[in-house]
PDB file of N, CA and C in Angstrom:
ATOM      1  N   UNK A   1       6.985 -28.446  -0.300  1.00  0.00           N
ATOM      2  CA  UNK A   1       8.212 -27.867  -0.806  1.00  0.00           C
ATOM      3  C   UNK A   1       8.311 -28.156  -2.297  1.00  0.00           C
ATOM      4  N   UNK A   2       8.628 -27.156  -3.065  1.00  0.00           N
ATOM      5  CA  UNK A   2       8.718 -27.285  -4.515  1.00  0.00           C
ATOM      6  C   UNK A   2      10.050 -27.907  -4.907  1.00  0.00           C
ATOM      7  N   UNK A   3      10.039 -28.741  -5.932  1.00  0.00           N
ATOM      8  CA  UNK A   3      11.265 -29.363  -6.434  1.00  0.00           C
ATOM      9  C   UNK A   3      11.613 -28.898  -7.839  1.00  0.00           C
ATOM     10  N   UNK A   4      10.977 -27.852  -8.308  1.00  0.00           N
ATOM     11  CA  UNK A   4      11.189 -27.429  -9.690  1.00  0.00           C
ATOM     12  C   UNK A   4      12.430 -26.559  -9.870  1.00  0.00           C
ATOM     13  N   UNK A   5      12.835 -25.842  -8.839  1.00  0.00           N
ATOM     14  CA  UNK A   5      13.965 -24.904  -8.930  1.00  0.00           C
ATOM     15  C   UNK A   5      13.786 -23.938 -10.093  1.00  0.00           C
ATOM     16  N   UNK A   6      12.577 -23.463 -10.256  1.00  0.00           N
ATOM     17  CA  UNK A   6      12.233 -22.612 -11.392  1.00  0.00           C
ATOM     18  C   UNK A   6      11.571 -21.335 -10.870  1.00  0.00           C
ATOM     19  N   UNK A   7      12.129 -20.156 -11.194  1.00  0.00           N
ATOM     20  CA  UNK A   7      11.523 -18.911 -10.699  1.00  0.00           C
ATOM     21  C   UNK A   7      10.136 -18.643 -11.264  1.00  0.00           C
ATOM     22  N   UNK A   8       9.742 -19.346 -12.305  1.00  0.00           N
ATOM     23  CA  UNK A   8       8.398 -19.133 -12.865  1.00  0.00           C
ATOM     24  C   UNK A   8       7.311 -19.523 -11.871  1.00  0.00           C
ATOM     25  N   UNK A   9       7.622 -20.437 -10.959  1.00  0.00           N
ATOM     26  CA  UNK A   9       6.654 -20.831  -9.928  1.00  0.00           C
ATOM     27  C   UNK A   9       6.355 -19.630  -9.031  1.00  0.00           C
ATOM     28  N   UNK A  10       7.401 -18.926  -8.622  1.00  0.00           N
ATOM     29  CA  UNK A  10       7.216 -17.738  -7.796  1.00  0.00           C
ATOM     30  C   UNK A  10       6.425 -16.666  -8.541  1.00  0.00           C
ATOM     31  N   UNK A  11       6.805 -16.429  -9.793  1.00  0.00           N
ATOM     32  CA  UNK A  11       6.108 -15.386 -10.553  1.00  0.00           C
ATOM     33  C   UNK A  11       4.645 -15.745 -10.804  1.00  0.00           C
ATOM     34  N   UNK A  12       4.348 -17.019 -10.955  1.00  0.00           N
ATOM     35  CA  UNK A  12       2.952 -17.441 -11.101  1.00  0.00           C
ATOM     36  C   UNK A  12       2.178 -17.170  -9.812  1.00  0.00           C
ATOM     37  N   UNK A  13       2.810 -17.446  -8.685  1.00  0.00           N
ATOM     38  CA  UNK A  13       2.156 -17.180  -7.398  1.00  0.00           C
ATOM     39  C   UNK A  13       1.935 -15.679  -7.216  1.00  0.00           C
ATOM     40  N   UNK A  14       2.905 -14.875  -7.637  1.00  0.00           N
ATOM     41  CA  UNK A  14       2.760 -13.426  -7.506  1.00  0.00           C
ATOM     42  C   UNK A  14       1.659 -12.896  -8.427  1.00  0.00           C
ATOM     43  N   UNK A  15       1.571 -13.438  -9.633  1.00  0.00           N
ATOM     44  CA  UNK A  15       0.479 -13.028 -10.537  1.00  0.00           C
ATOM     45  C   UNK A  15      -0.877 -13.386  -9.948  1.00  0.00           C
ATOM     46  N   UNK A  16      -0.956 -14.537  -9.309  1.00  0.00           N
ATOM     47  CA  UNK A  16      -2.207 -14.943  -8.668  1.00  0.00           C
ATOM     48  C   UNK A  16      -2.562 -13.993  -7.526  1.00  0.00           C
ATOM     49  N   UNK A  17      -1.563 -13.612  -6.732  1.00  0.00           N
ATOM     50  CA  UNK A  17      -1.800 -12.652  -5.650  1.00  0.00           C
ATOM     51  C   UNK A  17      -2.343 -11.339  -6.215  1.00  0.00           C
ATOM     52  N   UNK A  18      -1.732 -10.854  -7.276  1.00  0.00           N
ATOM     53  CA  UNK A  18      -2.178  -9.581  -7.842  1.00  0.00           C
ATOM     54  C   UNK A  18      -3.543  -9.696  -8.523  1.00  0.00           C
ATOM     55  N   UNK A  19      -3.864 -10.883  -9.040  1.00  0.00           N
ATOM     56  CA  UNK A  19      -5.212 -11.088  -9.585  1.00  0.00           C
ATOM     57  C   UNK A  19      -6.248 -11.023  -8.465  1.00  0.00           C
ATOM     58  N   UNK A  20      -5.929 -11.601  -7.306  1.00  0.00           N
ATOM     59  CA  UNK A  20      -6.832 -11.503  -6.167  1.00  0.00           C
ATOM     60  C   UNK A  20      -6.931 -10.067  -5.679  1.00  0.00           C
ATOM     61  N   UNK A  21      -5.837  -9.317  -5.802  1.00  0.00           N
ATOM     62  CA  UNK A  21      -5.848  -7.902  -5.432  1.00  0.00           C
ATOM     63  C   UNK A  21      -6.838  -7.146  -6.310  1.00  0.00           C
ATOM     64  N   UNK A  22      -6.788  -7.389  -7.606  1.00  0.00           N
ATOM     65  CA  UNK A  22      -7.749  -6.730  -8.517  1.00  0.00           C
ATOM     66  C   UNK A  22      -9.178  -7.139  -8.196  1.00  0.00           C
ATOM     67  N   UNK A  23      -9.368  -8.394  -7.865  1.00  0.00           N
ATOM     68  CA  UNK A  23     -10.701  -8.870  -7.507  1.00  0.00           C
ATOM     69  C   UNK A  23     -11.209  -8.163  -6.256  1.00  0.00           C
ATOM     70  N   UNK A  24     -10.358  -8.033  -5.260  1.00  0.00           N
ATOM     71  CA  UNK A  24     -10.793  -7.364  -4.022  1.00  0.00           C
ATOM     72  C   UNK A  24     -11.102  -5.894  -4.281  1.00  0.00           C
ATOM     73  N   UNK A  25     -10.309  -5.235  -5.120  1.00  0.00           N
ATOM     74  CA  UNK A  25     -10.602  -3.841  -5.466  1.00  0.00           C
ATOM     75  C   UNK A  25     -11.933  -3.718  -6.199  1.00  0.00           C
ATOM     76  N   UNK A  26     -12.206  -4.652  -7.100  1.00  0.00           N
ATOM     77  CA  UNK A  26     -13.472  -4.624  -7.842  1.00  0.00           C
ATOM     78  C   UNK A  26     -14.655  -4.836  -6.900  1.00  0.00           C
ATOM     79  N   UNK A  27     -14.516  -5.770  -5.954  1.00  0.00           N
ATOM     80  CA  UNK A  27     -15.597  -6.000  -4.988  1.00  0.00           C
ATOM     81  C   UNK A  27     -15.864  -4.758  -4.152  1.00  0.00           C
ATOM     82  N   UNK A  28     -14.794  -4.102  -3.708  1.00  0.00           N
ATOM     83  CA  UNK A  28     -14.979  -2.901  -2.890  1.00  0.00           C
ATOM     84  C   UNK A  28     -15.569  -1.756  -3.711  1.00  0.00           C
ATOM     85  N   UNK A  29     -15.132  -1.606  -4.946  1.00  0.00           N
ATOM     86  CA  UNK A  29     -15.688  -0.548  -5.793  1.00  0.00           C
ATOM     87  C   UNK A  29     -17.169  -0.805  -6.061  1.00  0.00           C
ATOM     88  N   UNK A  30     -17.522  -2.041  -6.314  1.00  0.00           N
ATOM     89  CA  UNK A  30     -18.918  -2.395  -6.544  1.00  0.00           C
ATOM     90  C   UNK A  30     -19.744  -2.113  -5.289  1.00  0.00           C
ATOM     91  N   UNK A  31     -19.196  -2.450  -4.125  1.00  0.00           N
ATOM     92  CA  UNK A  31     -19.889  -2.170  -2.869  1.00  0.00           C
ATOM     93  C   UNK A  31     -20.085  -0.688  -2.646  1.00  0.00           C
ATOM     94  N   UNK A  32     -19.079   0.118  -2.984  1.00  0.00           N
ATOM     95  CA  UNK A  32     -19.190   1.567  -2.852  1.00  0.00           C
ATOM     96  C   UNK A  32     -20.300   2.102  -3.752  1.00  0.00           C
ATOM     97  N   UNK A  33     -20.354   1.615  -4.990  1.00  0.00           N
ATOM     98  CA  UNK A  33     -21.378   2.070  -5.927  1.00  0.00           C
ATOM     99  C   UNK A  33     -22.773   1.683  -5.425  1.00  0.00           C
ATOM    100  N   UNK A  34     -22.920   0.471  -4.932  1.00  0.00           N
ATOM    101  CA  UNK A  34     -24.224   0.033  -4.423  1.00  0.00           C
ATOM    102  C   UNK A  34     -24.646   0.896  -3.229  1.00  0.00           C
ATOM    103  N   UNK A  35     -23.703   1.143  -2.325  1.00  0.00           N
ATOM    104  CA  UNK A  35     -24.031   1.932  -1.127  1.00  0.00           C
ATOM    105  C   UNK A  35     -24.422   3.354  -1.512  1.00  0.00           C
ATOM    106  N   UNK A  36     -23.703   3.958  -2.420  1.00  0.00           N
ATOM    107  CA  UNK A  36     -24.004   5.334  -2.824  1.00  0.00           C
ATOM    108  C   UNK A  36     -25.260   5.411  -3.688  1.00  0.00           C
ATOM    109  N   UNK A  37     -25.622   4.328  -4.358  1.00  0.00           N
ATOM    110  CA  UNK A  37     -26.847   4.319  -5.141  1.00  0.00           C
ATOM    111  C   UNK A  37     -28.055   4.499  -4.230  1.00  0.00           C
ATOM    112  N   UNK A  38     -28.019   3.896  -3.053  1.00  0.00           N
ATOM    113  CA  UNK A  38     -29.107   4.079  -2.086  1.00  0.00           C
ATOM    114  C   UNK A  38     -29.230   5.525  -1.659  1.00  0.00           C
ATOM    115  N   UNK A  39     -28.111   6.199  -1.490  1.00  0.00           N
ATOM    116  CA  UNK A  39     -28.126   7.619  -1.152  1.00  0.00           C
ATOM    117  C   UNK A  39     -28.723   8.434  -2.303  1.00  0.00           C
ATOM    118  N   UNK A  40     -28.339   8.082  -3.519  1.00  0.00           N
ATOM    119  CA  UNK A  40     -28.853   8.761  -4.707  1.00  0.00           C
ATOM    120  C   UNK A  40     -30.372   8.610  -4.814  1.00  0.00           C
ATOM    121  N   UNK A  41     -30.869   7.425  -4.589  1.00  0.00           N
ATOM    122  CA  UNK A  41     -32.316   7.183  -4.643  1.00  0.00           C
ATOM    123  C   UNK A  41     -33.028   7.966  -3.548  1.00  0.00           C
ATOM    124  N   UNK A  42     -32.433   8.032  -2.366  1.00  0.00           N
ATOM    125  CA  UNK A  42     -33.046   8.784  -1.265  1.00  0.00           C
ATOM    126  C   UNK A  42     -33.125  10.275  -1.593  1.00  0.00           C
ATOM    127  N   UNK A  43     -32.150  10.785  -2.313  1.00  0.00           N
ATOM    128  CA  UNK A  43     -32.172  12.199  -2.703  1.00  0.00           C
ATOM    129  C   UNK A  43     -33.239  12.445  -3.765  1.00  0.00           C
ATOM    130  N   UNK A  44     -33.368  11.525  -4.700  1.00  0.00           N
ATOM    131  CA  UNK A  44     -34.348  11.691  -5.781  1.00  0.00           C
ATOM    132  C   UNK A  44     -35.788  11.538  -5.304  1.00  0.00           C
ATOM    133  N   UNK A  45     -36.013  10.677  -4.333  1.00  0.00           N
ATOM    134  CA  UNK A  45     -37.374  10.413  -3.864  1.00  0.00           C
ATOM    135  C   UNK A  45     -37.479  10.644  -2.364  1.00  0.00           C
ATOM    136  N   UNK A  46     -37.479  11.901  -1.915  1.00  0.00           N
ATOM    137  CA  UNK A  46     -37.606  12.156  -0.478  1.00  0.00           C
ATOM    138  C   UNK A  46     -38.989  11.728   0.017  1.00  0.00           C
ATOM    139  N   UNK A  47     -39.021  11.206   1.210  1.00  0.00           N
ATOM    140  CA  UNK A  47     -40.281  10.710   1.773  1.00  0.00           C
ATOM    141  C   UNK A  47     -40.626  11.502   3.037  1.00  0.00           C
ATOM    142  N   UNK A  48     -41.339  12.586   2.881  1.00  0.00           N
ATOM    143  CA  UNK A  48     -41.841  13.404   3.981  1.00  0.00           C
ATOM    144  C   UNK A  48     -40.758  13.740   5.021  1.00  0.00           C
ATOM    145  N   UNK A  49     -39.592  14.116   4.576  1.00  0.00           N
ATOM    146  CA  UNK A  49     -38.501  14.594   5.431  1.00  0.00           C
ATOM    147  C   UNK A  49     -38.100  13.600   6.524  1.00  0.00           C
ATOM    148  N   UNK A  50     -38.142  12.319   6.196  1.00  0.00           N
ATOM    149  CA  UNK A  50     -37.672  11.313   7.137  1.00  0.00           C
ATOM    150  C   UNK A  50     -36.144  11.331   7.170  1.00  0.00           C
ATOM    151  N   UNK A  51     -35.553  11.009   8.303  1.00  0.00           N
ATOM    152  CA  UNK A  51     -34.090  10.939   8.326  1.00  0.00           C
ATOM    153  C   UNK A  51     -33.601   9.804   7.428  1.00  0.00           C
ATOM    154  N   UNK A  52     -32.391   9.962   6.905  1.00  0.00           N
ATOM    155  CA  UNK A  52     -31.838   8.975   5.988  1.00  0.00           C
ATOM    156  C   UNK A  52     -31.708   7.617   6.678  1.00  0.00           C
ATOM    157  N   UNK A  53     -32.305   6.614   6.081  1.00  0.00           N
ATOM    158  CA  UNK A  53     -32.330   5.279   6.663  1.00  0.00           C
ATOM    159  C   UNK A  53     -31.235   4.416   6.035  1.00  0.00           C
ATOM    160  N   UNK A  54     -30.758   3.471   6.785  1.00  0.00           N
ATOM    161  CA  UNK A  54     -29.783   2.505   6.274  1.00  0.00           C
ATOM    162  C   UNK A  54     -30.561   1.305   5.759  1.00  0.00           C
ATOM    163  N   UNK A  55     -30.799   1.313   4.479  1.00  0.00           N
ATOM    164  CA  UNK A  55     -31.618   0.277   3.879  1.00  0.00           C
ATOM    165  C   UNK A  55     -30.788  -0.847   3.286  1.00  0.00           C
ATOM    166  N   UNK A  56     -31.431  -1.542   2.378  1.00  0.00           N
ATOM    167  CA  UNK A  56     -30.828  -2.711   1.748  1.00  0.00           C
ATOM    168  C   UNK A  56     -29.557  -2.362   0.978  1.00  0.00           C
ATOM    169  N   UNK A  57     -29.555  -1.221   0.274  1.00  0.00           N
ATOM    170  CA  UNK A  57     -28.365  -0.872  -0.503  1.00  0.00           C
ATOM    171  C   UNK A  57     -27.175  -0.577   0.408  1.00  0.00           C
ATOM    172  N   UNK A  58     -27.423   0.005   1.570  1.00  0.00           N
ATOM    173  CA  UNK A  58     -26.337   0.265   2.516  1.00  0.00           C
ATOM    174  C   UNK A  58     -25.699  -1.039   2.960  1.00  0.00           C
ATOM    175  N   UNK A  59     -26.519  -1.980   3.412  1.00  0.00           N
ATOM    176  CA  UNK A  59     -25.989  -3.233   3.946  1.00  0.00           C
ATOM    177  C   UNK A  59     -25.385  -4.109   2.852  1.00  0.00           C
ATOM    178  N   UNK A  60     -25.971  -4.091   1.661  1.00  0.00           N
ATOM    179  CA  UNK A  60     -25.402  -4.860   0.556  1.00  0.00           C
ATOM    180  C   UNK A  60     -24.057  -4.278   0.136  1.00  0.00           C
ATOM    181  N   UNK A  61     -24.005  -2.972  -0.009  1.00  0.00           N
ATOM    182  CA  UNK A  61     -22.740  -2.324  -0.359  1.00  0.00           C
ATOM    183  C   UNK A  61     -21.682  -2.556   0.695  1.00  0.00           C
ATOM    184  N   UNK A  62     -22.069  -2.452   1.944  1.00  0.00           N
ATOM    185  CA  UNK A  62     -21.134  -2.694   3.040  1.00  0.00           C
ATOM    186  C   UNK A  62     -20.611  -4.127   3.007  1.00  0.00           C
ATOM    187  N   UNK A  63     -21.488  -5.076   2.705  1.00  0.00           N
ATOM    188  CA  UNK A  63     -21.072  -6.485   2.627  1.00  0.00           C
ATOM    189  C   UNK A  63     -20.032  -6.684   1.521  1.00  0.00           C
ATOM    190  N   UNK A  64     -20.226  -6.031   0.374  1.00  0.00           N
ATOM    191  CA  UNK A  64     -19.254  -6.150  -0.721  1.00  0.00           C
ATOM    192  C   UNK A  64     -17.907  -5.529  -0.337  1.00  0.00           C
ATOM    193  N   UNK A  65     -17.926  -4.408   0.348  1.00  0.00           N
ATOM    194  CA  UNK A  65     -16.670  -3.775   0.774  1.00  0.00           C
ATOM    195  C   UNK A  65     -15.939  -4.662   1.776  1.00  0.00           C
ATOM    196  N   UNK A  66     -16.660  -5.204   2.732  1.00  0.00           N
ATOM    197  CA  UNK A  66     -16.051  -6.097   3.728  1.00  0.00           C
ATOM    198  C   UNK A  66     -15.531  -7.362   3.048  1.00  0.00           C
ATOM    199  N   UNK A  67     -16.290  -7.899   2.102  1.00  0.00           N
ATOM    200  CA  UNK A  67     -15.839  -9.079   1.363  1.00  0.00           C
ATOM    201  C   UNK A  67     -14.550  -8.778   0.600  1.00  0.00           C
ATOM    202  N   UNK A  68     -14.476  -7.617  -0.039  1.00  0.00           N
ATOM    203  CA  UNK A  68     -13.263  -7.235  -0.752  1.00  0.00           C
ATOM    204  C   UNK A  68     -12.067  -7.119   0.177  1.00  0.00           C
ATOM    205  N   UNK A  69     -12.254  -6.538   1.340  1.00  0.00           N
ATOM    206  CA  UNK A  69     -11.165  -6.423   2.318  1.00  0.00           C
ATOM    207  C   UNK A  69     -10.732  -7.806   2.806  1.00  0.00           C
ATOM    208  N   UNK A  70     -11.682  -8.674   3.032  1.00  0.00           N
ATOM    209  CA  UNK A  70     -11.360 -10.033   3.478  1.00  0.00           C
ATOM    210  C   UNK A  70     -10.611 -10.812   2.402  1.00  0.00           C
ATOM    211  N   UNK A  71     -11.010 -10.657   1.154  1.00  0.00           N
ATOM    212  CA  UNK A  71     -10.319 -11.320   0.043  1.00  0.00           C
ATOM    213  C   UNK A  71      -8.874 -10.846  -0.043  1.00  0.00           C
ATOM    214  N   UNK A  72      -8.661  -9.552   0.100  1.00  0.00           N
ATOM    215  CA  UNK A  72      -7.296  -9.008   0.053  1.00  0.00           C
ATOM    216  C   UNK A  72      -6.450  -9.582   1.189  1.00  0.00           C
ATOM    217  N   UNK A  73      -6.997  -9.629   2.392  1.00  0.00           N
ATOM    218  CA  UNK A  73      -6.242 -10.148   3.532  1.00  0.00           C
ATOM    219  C   UNK A  73      -5.974 -11.646   3.389  1.00  0.00           C
ATOM    220  N   UNK A  74      -6.984 -12.396   2.991  1.00  0.00           N
ATOM    221  CA  UNK A  74      -6.818 -13.848   2.886  1.00  0.00           C
ATOM    222  C   UNK A  74      -5.857 -14.230   1.764  1.00  0.00           C
ATOM    223  N   UNK A  75      -5.908 -13.514   0.649  1.00  0.00           N
ATOM    224  CA  UNK A  75      -4.986 -13.832  -0.444  1.00  0.00           C
ATOM    225  C   UNK A  75      -3.542 -13.558  -0.041  1.00  0.00           C
ATOM    226  N   UNK A  76      -3.328 -12.591   0.839  1.00  0.00           N
ATOM    227  CA  UNK A  76      -1.988 -12.339   1.360  1.00  0.00           C
ATOM    228  C   UNK A  76      -1.511 -13.519   2.197  1.00  0.00           C
ATOM    229  N   UNK A  77      -2.388 -14.046   3.021  1.00  0.00           N
ATOM    230  CA  UNK A  77      -2.045 -15.216   3.837  1.00  0.00           C
ATOM    231  C   UNK A  77      -1.699 -16.396   2.938  1.00  0.00           C
ATOM    232  N   UNK A  78      -2.495 -16.612   1.903  1.00  0.00           N
ATOM    233  CA  UNK A  78      -2.238 -17.714   0.981  1.00  0.00           C
ATOM    234  C   UNK A  78      -0.897 -17.545   0.269  1.00  0.00           C
ATOM    235  N   UNK A  79      -0.584 -16.336  -0.172  1.00  0.00           N
ATOM    236  CA  UNK A  79       0.673 -16.075  -0.870  1.00  0.00           C
ATOM    237  C   UNK A  79       1.858 -16.348   0.054  1.00  0.00           C
ATOM    238  N   UNK A  80       1.737 -15.952   1.307  1.00  0.00           N
ATOM    239  CA  UNK A  80       2.835 -16.200   2.255  1.00  0.00           C
ATOM    240  C   UNK A  80       3.028 -17.697   2.498  1.00  0.00           C
ATOM    241  N   UNK A  81       1.946 -18.460   2.468  1.00  0.00           N
ATOM    242  CA  UNK A  81       2.070 -19.919   2.586  1.00  0.00           C
ATOM    243  C   UNK A  81       2.841 -20.490   1.405  1.00  0.00           C
ATOM    244  N   UNK A  82       2.536 -19.993   0.210  1.00  0.00           N
ATOM    245  CA  UNK A  82       3.254 -20.456  -0.988  1.00  0.00           C
ATOM    246  C   UNK A  82       4.727 -20.065  -0.909  1.00  0.00           C
ATOM    247  N   UNK A  83       5.012 -18.853  -0.459  1.00  0.00           N
ATOM    248  CA  UNK A  83       6.403 -18.401  -0.339  1.00  0.00           C
ATOM    249  C   UNK A  83       7.213 -19.318   0.577  1.00  0.00           C
ATOM    250  N   UNK A  84       6.599 -19.802   1.642  1.00  0.00           N
ATOM    251  CA  UNK A  84       7.312 -20.678   2.576  1.00  0.00           C
ATOM    252  C   UNK A  84       7.684 -22.011   1.939  1.00  0.00           C
ATOM    253  N   UNK A  85       6.971 -22.412   0.891  1.00  0.00           N
ATOM    254  CA  UNK A  85       7.276 -23.693   0.251  1.00  0.00           C
ATOM    255  C   UNK A  85       8.372 -23.574  -0.808  1.00  0.00           C
ATOM    256  N   UNK A  86       8.717 -22.361  -1.198  1.00  0.00           N
ATOM    257  CA  UNK A  86       9.713 -22.173  -2.258  1.00  0.00           C
ATOM    258  C   UNK A  86      11.128 -22.191  -1.698  1.00  0.00           C
ATOM    259  N   UNK A  87      12.045 -22.670  -2.525  1.00  0.00           N
ATOM    260  CA  UNK A  87      13.465 -22.641  -2.184  1.00  0.00           C
ATOM    261  C   UNK A  87      14.034 -21.280  -2.590  1.00  0.00           C
ATOM    262  N   UNK A  88      15.131 -20.874  -1.986  1.00  0.00           N
ATOM    263  CA  UNK A  88      15.745 -19.588  -2.363  1.00  0.00           C
ATOM    264  C   UNK A  88      16.108 -19.497  -3.851  1.00  0.00           C
ATOM    265  N   UNK A  89      16.443 -20.615  -4.467  1.00  0.00           N
ATOM    266  CA  UNK A  89      16.808 -20.585  -5.884  1.00  0.00           C
ATOM    267  C   UNK A  89      15.612 -20.238  -6.783  1.00  0.00           C
ATOM    268  N   UNK A  90      14.402 -20.421  -6.246  1.00  0.00           N
ATOM    269  CA  UNK A  90      13.199 -20.144  -7.030  1.00  0.00           C
ATOM    270  C   UNK A  90      12.788 -18.680  -6.999  1.00  0.00           C
ATOM    271  N   UNK A  91      13.450 -17.887  -6.160  1.00  0.00           N
ATOM    272  CA  UNK A  91      13.198 -16.442  -6.115  1.00  0.00           C
ATOM    273  C   UNK A  91      14.439 -15.754  -6.656  1.00  0.00           C
ATOM    274  N   UNK A  92      14.315 -14.989  -7.732  1.00  0.00           N
ATOM    275  CA  UNK A  92      15.495 -14.359  -8.329  1.00  0.00           C
ATOM    276  C   UNK A  92      16.257 -13.485  -7.329  1.00  0.00           C
ATOM    277  N   UNK A  93      17.583 -13.473  -7.469  1.00  0.00           N
ATOM    278  CA  UNK A  93      18.429 -12.668  -6.586  1.00  0.00           C
ATOM    279  C   UNK A  93      18.036 -11.198  -6.660  1.00  0.00           C
ATOM    280  N   UNK A  94      17.913 -10.577  -5.512  1.00  0.00           N
ATOM    281  CA  UNK A  94      17.616  -9.154  -5.442  1.00  0.00           C
ATOM    282  C   UNK A  94      16.162  -8.792  -5.681  1.00  0.00           C
ATOM    283  N   UNK A  95      15.307  -9.784  -5.942  1.00  0.00           N
ATOM    284  CA  UNK A  95      13.891  -9.512  -6.199  1.00  0.00           C
ATOM    285  C   UNK A  95      13.162  -9.415  -4.859  1.00  0.00           C
ATOM    286  N   UNK A  96      12.429  -8.361  -4.683  1.00  0.00           N
ATOM    287  CA  UNK A  96      11.678  -8.174  -3.428  1.00  0.00           C
ATOM    288  C   UNK A  96      10.321  -8.868  -3.529  1.00  0.00           C
ATOM    289  N   UNK A  97      10.003  -9.607  -2.505  1.00  0.00           N
ATOM    290  CA  UNK A  97       8.714 -10.307  -2.476  1.00  0.00           C
ATOM    291  C   UNK A  97       7.656  -9.512  -1.731  1.00  0.00           C
ATOM    292  N   UNK A  98       8.049  -8.442  -1.062  1.00  0.00           N
ATOM    293  CA  UNK A  98       7.112  -7.729  -0.195  1.00  0.00           C
ATOM    294  C   UNK A  98       6.165  -6.743  -0.878  1.00  0.00           C
ATOM    295  N   UNK A  99       6.445  -6.167  -2.055  1.00  0.00           N
ATOM    296  CA  UNK A  99       5.495  -5.177  -2.597  1.00  0.00           C
ATOM    297  C   UNK A  99       4.079  -5.710  -2.805  1.00  0.00           C
ATOM    298  N   UNK A 100       3.936  -6.923  -3.274  1.00  0.00           N
ATOM    299  CA  UNK A 100       2.601  -7.487  -3.448  1.00  0.00           C
ATOM    300  C   UNK A 100       1.887  -7.671  -2.133  1.00  0.00           C
ATOM    301  N   UNK A 101       2.628  -8.103  -1.123  1.00  0.00           N
ATOM    302  CA  UNK A 101       2.054  -8.302   0.203  1.00  0.00           C
ATOM    303  C   UNK A 101       1.622  -6.957   0.794  1.00  0.00           C
ATOM    304  N   UNK A 102       2.494  -5.967   0.695  1.00  0.00           N
ATOM    305  CA  UNK A 102       2.184  -4.636   1.236  1.00  0.00           C
ATOM    306  C   UNK A 102       0.977  -4.036   0.519  1.00  0.00           C
ATOM    307  N   UNK A 103       0.925  -4.207  -0.790  1.00  0.00           N
ATOM    308  CA  UNK A 103      -0.202  -3.679  -1.566  1.00  0.00           C
ATOM    309  C   UNK A 103      -1.516  -4.315  -1.132  1.00  0.00           C
ATOM    310  N   UNK A 104      -1.528  -5.625  -0.984  1.00  0.00           N
ATOM    311  CA  UNK A 104      -2.757  -6.303  -0.568  1.00  0.00           C
ATOM    312  C   UNK A 104      -3.177  -5.899   0.836  1.00  0.00           C
ATOM    313  N   UNK A 105      -2.217  -5.788   1.734  1.00  0.00           N
ATOM    314  CA  UNK A 105      -2.562  -5.370   3.093  1.00  0.00           C
ATOM    315  C   UNK A 105      -3.075  -3.932   3.116  1.00  0.00           C
ATOM    316  N   UNK A 106      -2.505  -3.067   2.273  1.00  0.00           N
ATOM    317  CA  UNK A 106      -2.998  -1.686   2.192  1.00  0.00           C
ATOM    318  C   UNK A 106      -4.431  -1.658   1.669  1.00  0.00           C
ATOM    319  N   UNK A 107      -4.728  -2.487   0.673  1.00  0.00           N
ATOM    320  CA  UNK A 107      -6.091  -2.553   0.141  1.00  0.00           C
ATOM    321  C   UNK A 107      -7.053  -3.045   1.226  1.00  0.00           C
ATOM    322  N   UNK A 108      -6.632  -4.040   1.999  1.00  0.00           N
ATOM    323  CA  UNK A 108      -7.483  -4.550   3.082  1.00  0.00           C
ATOM    324  C   UNK A 108      -7.735  -3.459   4.126  1.00  0.00           C
ATOM    325  N   UNK A 109      -6.691  -2.741   4.507  1.00  0.00           N
ATOM    326  CA  UNK A 109      -6.854  -1.667   5.495  1.00  0.00           C
ATOM    327  C   UNK A 109      -7.735  -0.536   4.963  1.00  0.00           C
ATOM    328  N   UNK A 110      -7.569  -0.200   3.702  1.00  0.00           N
ATOM    329  CA  UNK A 110      -8.416   0.844   3.117  1.00  0.00           C
ATOM    330  C   UNK A 110      -9.868   0.392   3.012  1.00  0.00           C
ATOM    331  N   UNK A 111     -10.089  -0.894   2.783  1.00  0.00           N
ATOM    332  CA  UNK A 111     -11.448  -1.427   2.780  1.00  0.00           C
ATOM    333  C   UNK A 111     -12.089  -1.310   4.154  1.00  0.00           C
ATOM    334  N   UNK A 112     -11.305  -1.583   5.186  1.00  0.00           N
ATOM    335  CA  UNK A 112     -11.812  -1.424   6.554  1.00  0.00           C
ATOM    336  C   UNK A 112     -12.103   0.049   6.834  1.00  0.00           C
ATOM    337  N   UNK A 113     -11.207   0.935   6.370  1.00  0.00           N
ATOM    338  CA  UNK A 113     -11.434   2.377   6.562  1.00  0.00           C
ATOM    339  C   UNK A 113     -12.698   2.830   5.839  1.00  0.00           C
ATOM    340  N   UNK A 114     -12.951   2.293   4.648  1.00  0.00           N
ATOM    341  CA  UNK A 114     -14.169   2.642   3.903  1.00  0.00           C
ATOM    342  C   UNK A 114     -15.404   2.155   4.650  1.00  0.00           C
ATOM    343  N   UNK A 115     -15.312   0.990   5.257  1.00  0.00           N
ATOM    344  CA  UNK A 115     -16.427   0.477   6.053  1.00  0.00           C
ATOM    345  C   UNK A 115     -16.725   1.407   7.231  1.00  0.00           C
ATOM    346  N   UNK A 116     -15.681   1.838   7.913  1.00  0.00           N
ATOM    347  CA  UNK A 116     -15.859   2.775   9.034  1.00  0.00           C
ATOM    348  C   UNK A 116     -16.460   4.083   8.531  1.00  0.00           C
ATOM    349  N   UNK A 117     -15.989   4.557   7.378  1.00  0.00           N
ATOM    350  CA  UNK A 117     -16.527   5.793   6.791  1.00  0.00           C
ATOM    351  C   UNK A 117     -18.026   5.666   6.512  1.00  0.00           C
ATOM    352  N   UNK A 118     -18.447   4.516   6.000  1.00  0.00           N
ATOM    353  CA  UNK A 118     -19.871   4.329   5.736  1.00  0.00           C
ATOM    354  C   UNK A 118     -20.682   4.475   7.016  1.00  0.00           C
ATOM    355  N   UNK A 119     -20.183   3.920   8.110  1.00  0.00           N
ATOM    356  CA  UNK A 119     -20.923   4.013   9.369  1.00  0.00           C
ATOM    357  C   UNK A 119     -20.920   5.429   9.932  1.00  0.00           C
ATOM    358  N   UNK A 120     -19.835   6.147   9.749  1.00  0.00           N
ATOM    359  CA  UNK A 120     -19.728   7.493  10.290  1.00  0.00           C
ATOM    360  C   UNK A 120     -20.376   8.544   9.382  1.00  0.00           C
ATOM    361  N   UNK A 121     -20.356   8.276   8.065  1.00  0.00           N
ATOM    362  CA  UNK A 121     -20.785   9.296   7.105  1.00  0.00           C
ATOM    363  C   UNK A 121     -22.278   9.347   6.854  1.00  0.00           C
ATOM    364  N   UNK A 122     -23.001   8.316   7.180  1.00  0.00           N
ATOM    365  CA  UNK A 122     -24.437   8.305   6.848  1.00  0.00           C
ATOM    366  C   UNK A 122     -25.238   8.875   7.974  1.00  0.00           C
TER     367      UNK A 122
END
């Protein structure tokens, strides 16, 4: 439990949550680029009309997307733990704490949807 009675503690926690959100988005974007790079290479260098294989770039890209989704979900859990330690005086009146949580959960769900798309689309 915090004894500072200072709303800056809450805002620092929220900035940290949003920094993790950006990190998870970057991981998923990097994973998407890696996965699609394998498709690009397969188009440039066809090998005797073999069906498209799920190679190293597919699995590496998929791992980055899953990691990004996990980071988004876990950072939400961490933020909620911090919120439970704060007193009501540390959260400004009328300020909503849920937009950051909803945003992170949406990013996690979209990361899972992208993972499913990779499996269905290839």
